[in-house]
Amino acid sequence: MRLGVSHMFDHRRYKPFPPIGLKDRQWPDRVLSGAPAWCSVDLRDGNQALIEPMSVAQKRKMFDLLVAVGFKQIEVGFPAASQPDFDFVRSLIEADAIPEDVTVQVLTQARPELIRRSFESLRGARRAIMHVYNSTSVVQRQKVFRTGRAGIIDIAVAGAEEVRRGAENAPETDWILQYSPESFTGTEVDYAVEVCDRVIDVWEPSQENPAILNLPSTVEMATPNIYADQIEWFCRHISRRDAVIVSLHTHNDRGCAVAAAELGVMAGAQRVEGTLLGNGERTGNMDIVVMAMNLYSQGIDPQLDLADMDRIVSVVRECTQIDVHPRQPYAGDLVFTAFSGSHQDAIKKCLDQYREGEPWEIAYLPIDPRDLGRSYQDVIRVNSQSGKGGVAYVLANKFGFQLPRWLQIEFSRVVQRAAEETGGEIQPEQIWELFNRHYLGHGKPKPISLNHFSIERSDAGETFSGSIDCFGETLPVHGRGNGVLDALVQALRKLFEIDFEVMEYGEHALSQGADAEAVTYIQIKSGGRRYTGIAISDDIISSSLNALMSAAGELLAATNPNRKSSAAA
């Protein structure tokens, strides 16, 4: 049985979107080199998408966040459609809460009474954008307004004239006029140009005082390249191009709002409207955080300060009552976190080689998490899918142990078994407990341990003399070798009559300073099996000798847990 078989699930009910006749398109050869002018619509488009619209206090908190992030244009509401929106706009103006370098924007339909109410809400503002719109798409004309092209143009022109009168009647405010042919993506491009030209004829903008033409993908209807074609076609054919700012407002119905906005800027747009984290109706608005950080990751200044991402996420979550997906680009809790073993290994190797001030080139991390106020603490987390790199990273960054590769491989198997048994994530403290229990022997008796020793150096080598505790019995040990460690190896071979050899050796300081402790890692081989010993001491010789004793103890315990040395006699 096929999942989802239904007479309603029939792709033939939908028509493909027709391509734009633009054979010599230029946008594919262009690259983004600077940030567009940003306009946040969190307080209008984002707010109207909420099950519970923001309270005045939440709106003010969001507004203050947007200002702190660096937005210079902020759409603060639809004051003609909502008394709370009207009151909020008035509160910002009357409290002188709008910084001098910030321009507020309000939205209104192209209806005279709504336009007048919108101007009333902005009375006394230093500078403001009056944003007027009406729907122009084929489906809106035919099925909503039931009028032809001329009727829609009449609505747009009447609205533009009312906006012009309102601006002329309030000369104390520095006005910027903005028009949106709503549902631009569903409008024939030649007709969209015709409507906008008629609006511009009413407003008569100039290079010194340009108007904004906002081209919304009110419903995302096609692939981003087609939207880019629409924008480039529009930019080529609109009159007074040098007197208008072409703006974008993309929605995310197809999941391509960011891509469409990026290609739209490449096609000639100068301004982008969107929301923090993409909140908006249906599948959301264009996520300004993502687009801005995409620019940032290419070495372009986004003109927004997103360095405290946790605060941004916290405020947006509080004001919208919408959670943020843990894998939300740049903002999610897990976007810089790897569980995969191969990813962890690559990240660890890259970070081990990275030096501050160098260009950022780290596998699987497109940007440095610290740039967004995140630390490296959770870059790597361990579960049953993780490998040696993840385990080694945790021990190194959390506890200071730089495991050699052979030990990474060995210990990762221990951690993986534990993860498979629990079926979940293994926390750093659990990894440390496994390491402690498995290698350092904390909480369990050691088969053999070194009591005291002395070393004599001569031309023939070094002689080791001392005593060990062997299964509760004190035994003398003597041996000669090429160095201290080799001398103890020879002594243990002779004492226990077991042949073994040192296969791996590593050591490092656990911290910096004169009183830093040293850790030694040793692996020995006997009879085809390998045994690991690790020891920590404030003296490197002691840590090396004790690590060897630990490995030899594992060998003895494996050979015969109750073994008593024949040398004891």
Foldseek 3Di string as FASTA:
>chain_A
DDPPDDPPPDPVVDDADDFDPDPPADLVVFDDFAAFQEEEACQAQLQVQFPDGFALVLLVLVVVVCVQQFHQEYANYQVLVDVRSLVSLQVCQVVVVADPSHEYEYEDELDLVSLLRVLVSCQRPAEYEYEYEDEAAPCCCCPPVNHDLVVRLVSLLSSLLSNVVSCVVRVNHHYAYEYENPCLVRHDLVSLLVSVLSSCVNVVFALVRAHEYEYEPNDVRHDLVRLLVSLLVSCVPHPNSSRYAYEYKYAQNVPCQLVNRSSNVSSPHRYYYAHDLFRGHDRGTHHLVVNLVVCVLVVYHNSTQQQALVVVQVSCCVRRVDHHDLCRPPRHVCVLEDAAAVLLQQQQVQVVPDDPPDPDDGPSDSDDNNSNVDDCQRNYWYALRHALSRLQVLCCPPPNDNDDPVVSRVLRVVVNVVRVVVVDTDDSVNSVVSCCVVAVVPPHDFQKFFDDWDWDQDPQAIKIWGWMQGNNRIDIWIAGDNYDLRRVQRRVCVFQVFDKDWDDKDKDFSDDDLQTKMKMWTWMDGPHDIFIHMAIDSDPSNRSNRRVSRRVRVVVCVVPVPDDTPNVD
